[in-house]
Protein backbone atom coordinates (compact mmCIF):
# COMPACT_ATOMS: atom_id res chain seq x y z
CA MET A 1 5.12 23.66 5.17
CA ARG A 2 2.35 23.80 2.63
CA THR A 3 -1.21 22.65 2.63
CA ALA A 4 -2.14 19.09 1.82
CA ALA A 5 -4.11 20.27 -1.23
CA VAL A 6 -0.98 21.76 -2.78
CA ALA A 7 0.99 18.60 -1.96
CA TRP A 8 -1.67 16.44 -3.60
CA ALA A 9 -1.74 18.54 -6.76
CA GLY A 10 2.04 18.50 -7.09
CA LEU A 11 2.76 14.95 -6.02
CA PRO A 12 0.28 12.49 -7.54
CA LEU A 13 -0.53 8.99 -6.34
CA LEU A 14 -1.79 5.91 -8.09
CA LEU A 15 -4.79 3.86 -7.19
CA ALA A 16 -4.60 0.79 -9.39
CA GLY A 17 -6.68 -2.34 -9.16
CA CYS A 18 -5.43 -5.87 -9.23
CA THR A 19 -7.95 -8.59 -8.56
CA GLY A 20 -8.29 -12.27 -9.12
CA GLY A 21 -9.92 -15.32 -7.67
CA GLY A 22 -8.73 -16.07 -4.14
CA THR A 23 -8.41 -19.66 -3.07
CA SER A 24 -8.79 -19.41 0.69
CA ASP A 25 -11.85 -20.88 2.39
CA ASP A 26 -11.93 -18.17 5.07
CA ALA A 27 -11.02 -14.61 4.07
CA SER A 28 -11.08 -13.43 7.68
CA THR A 29 -7.95 -15.26 8.81
CA GLY A 30 -4.19 -14.86 8.54
CA PRO A 31 -1.85 -11.90 8.92
CA GLY A 32 -3.80 -8.69 9.06
CA ALA A 33 -6.84 -10.46 10.60
CA SER A 34 -7.64 -12.55 13.66
CA GLY A 35 -8.25 -16.28 13.57
CA PRO A 36 -6.38 -19.44 12.61
CA ALA A 37 -3.37 -19.55 10.28
CA PRO A 38 -3.99 -18.89 6.57
CA THR A 39 -4.96 -21.74 4.26
CA VAL A 40 -2.04 -23.09 2.20
CA VAL A 41 -2.50 -22.11 -1.44
CA ASP A 42 -1.34 -24.17 -4.43
CA SER A 43 1.81 -22.45 -5.69
CA ALA A 44 0.58 -22.86 -9.28
CA VAL A 45 -2.07 -20.17 -8.63
CA ALA A 46 -0.25 -18.00 -6.07
CA LEU A 47 0.98 -14.62 -7.25
CA GLU A 48 4.70 -14.26 -7.77
CA PRO A 49 6.30 -11.05 -6.46
CA ALA A 50 6.56 -8.58 -9.34
CA CYS A 51 6.61 -4.82 -9.88
CA ASP A 52 4.70 -2.74 -12.41
CA GLU A 53 7.08 -1.06 -14.86
CA ALA A 54 5.78 2.38 -13.84
CA LEU A 55 3.22 4.11 -11.64
CA GLU A 56 0.90 6.58 -13.33
CA SER A 57 -1.09 9.38 -11.75
CA PRO A 58 -4.73 8.47 -11.10
CA GLY A 59 -6.03 12.02 -10.91
CA GLY A 60 -9.23 12.19 -8.93
CA ALA A 61 -10.47 14.23 -6.01
CA PHE A 62 -8.40 15.19 -2.99
CA GLU A 63 -10.60 13.76 -0.24
CA ALA A 64 -10.08 11.64 2.85
CA ALA A 65 -11.41 8.09 2.87
CA ALA A 66 -14.78 7.67 4.58
CA ALA A 67 -13.63 5.05 7.13
CA ALA A 68 -10.68 2.94 8.25
CA ALA A 69 -9.47 0.29 5.79
CA GLU A 70 -10.21 -3.40 6.36
CA LEU A 71 -7.41 -5.15 4.47
CA GLY A 72 -8.29 -8.74 5.35
CA ARG A 73 -5.91 -11.69 5.11
CA PHE A 74 -2.72 -11.99 3.10
CA ASP A 75 -0.12 -14.74 2.84
CA ALA A 76 2.61 -12.81 1.01
CA ALA A 77 3.68 -9.19 0.69
CA TRP A 78 6.27 -7.20 -1.22
CA ILE A 79 7.27 -3.62 -1.93
CA CYS A 80 8.33 -1.94 -5.16
CA VAL A 81 10.03 1.48 -5.10
CA TYR A 82 9.34 4.23 -7.66
CA PRO A 83 10.97 7.65 -7.90
CA ILE A 84 8.59 10.57 -7.76
CA GLY A 85 6.90 11.68 -10.97
CA ASP A 86 4.15 10.58 -13.30
CA GLY A 87 5.02 7.35 -15.07
CA SER A 88 8.25 6.88 -13.13
CA PRO A 89 9.92 3.54 -13.82
CA VAL A 90 10.47 1.10 -10.98
CA SER A 91 13.80 1.72 -9.25
CA SER A 92 13.95 -1.37 -7.06
CA GLY A 93 11.96 -4.39 -6.03
CA PRO A 94 10.19 -6.52 -5.49
CA ALA A 95 11.46 -6.60 -1.91
CA GLU A 96 9.61 -9.41 -0.14
CA ILE A 97 8.38 -8.96 3.42
CA GLU A 98 8.71 -12.03 5.62
CA ASP A 99 7.28 -10.76 8.93
CA LEU A 100 3.62 -10.70 7.88
CA ASP A 101 2.33 -10.47 11.46
CA ARG A 102 4.34 -7.28 12.05
CA LEU A 103 3.14 -5.88 8.71
CA GLY A 104 -0.47 -6.75 9.59
CA ALA A 105 -0.13 -4.93 12.92
CA LEU A 106 1.34 -1.88 11.15
CA LEU A 107 -1.54 -1.72 8.66
CA ASP A 108 -4.33 -2.73 11.05
CA GLY A 109 -7.12 -0.19 10.89
CA ILE A 110 -5.26 2.35 8.76
CA GLY A 111 -7.46 5.43 9.03
CA PRO A 112 -8.64 8.23 6.79
CA ALA A 113 -6.10 10.96 6.03
CA ASP A 114 -6.22 14.37 7.66
CA THR A 115 -6.38 16.45 4.47
CA SER A 116 -6.18 19.72 6.41
CA GLN A 117 -2.70 19.00 7.80
CA GLY A 118 0.39 20.90 6.73
CA CYS A 119 2.79 18.81 4.66
CA THR A 120 6.56 18.96 4.36
CA LEU A 121 8.22 19.97 1.09
CA GLU A 122 10.72 17.12 0.74
CA ALA A 123 10.47 14.75 -2.19
CA GLY A 124 11.02 11.03 -2.06
CA PRO A 125 9.96 7.78 -3.63
CA ARG A 126 6.55 6.17 -3.71
CA TYR A 127 6.13 2.59 -2.53
CA LEU A 128 3.79 0.04 -4.07
CA LEU A 129 2.95 -2.43 -1.30
CA VAL A 130 1.26 -5.59 -2.58
CA LEU A 131 -0.63 -7.81 -0.12
CA ALA A 132 -1.26 -11.17 -1.83
CA ASP A 133 -3.73 -13.85 -0.84
CA GLY A 134 -3.24 -16.71 -3.28
CA ALA A 135 -4.12 -15.38 -6.72
CA SER A 136 -5.69 -12.11 -5.52
CA ALA A 137 -3.96 -8.98 -4.30
CA THR A 138 -4.59 -5.63 -2.67
CA ARG A 139 -2.29 -2.81 -3.69
CA LEU A 140 -1.39 0.18 -1.53
CA VAL A 141 0.55 3.15 -2.87
CA ILE A 142 2.38 4.97 -0.09
CA GLU A 143 4.07 8.37 -0.43
CA SER A 144 7.33 8.59 1.50
CA TYR A 145 7.21 12.39 1.31
CA GLY A 146 4.89 15.29 2.07
CA CYS A 147 1.76 14.14 3.88
CA ARG A 148 2.61 10.46 3.33
CA PHE A 149 -0.82 9.73 1.93
CA VAL A 150 -1.83 6.14 1.17
CA THR A 151 -4.25 4.94 -1.53
CA ILE A 152 -5.70 1.43 -1.41
CA ASP A 153 -7.38 -0.79 -4.02
CA GLY A 154 -11.14 -0.82 -3.67
CA TYR A 155 -11.33 2.30 -1.50
CA ASP A 156 -12.17 5.85 -2.47
CA GLY A 157 -10.19 8.62 -0.85
CA LEU A 158 -6.89 8.97 0.94
CA PHE A 159 -5.60 7.20 4.02
CA GLY A 160 -3.10 8.59 6.49
CA GLY A 161 0.44 7.34 6.60
CA SER A 162 3.29 8.67 8.71
CA ARG A 163 7.06 9.01 8.80
CA ASP A 164 7.13 6.12 11.32
CA MET A 165 4.98 3.92 9.06
CA VAL A 166 7.30 4.52 6.09
CA ALA A 167 10.38 3.80 8.23
CA GLU A 168 8.88 0.54 9.50
CA LEU A 169 7.91 -0.55 5.97
CA GLU A 170 11.47 0.14 4.81
CA ASP A 171 12.78 -1.93 7.71
CA LEU A 172 10.38 -4.81 7.02
CA ALA A 173 11.45 -4.89 3.35
CA GLY A 174 15.15 -4.42 4.08
CA LEU A 175 15.30 -1.18 2.07
């Protein structure tokens, strides 16, 4: 075991932004939120599943997020897999996730990380999880090793993942 601070310094994450104009009339509905089914989006403006060529290290402070994440609605989701290391090329993906309700339940209220926890020494890939809502997207980078920290577009700080969360994401994506 080692401290989370050492794990963070040795195993960087990426927090990358990806925004665009959404086309839904009500951003509080759909998988990941309560309310009626999501609005159908014209496929000409909907994002197509794709992976970045590589994930870079964002640097930044090692601090927990201030509050739980509110991810809102999404009508598509996919995962890209990257080996560990700065600038690592994509190794597989995009792996589309079909069970958006199950994914929404998994991510619902993801909380701030416990940065004082001990972290395991194993190494593994990082996952880029993209939650798309028409032409806009929220990106989460999830470590499948160490403390299993999660970074999310639009949020400062780290969120807590878990071995169970990573296993369920792998199952949802068929990895």
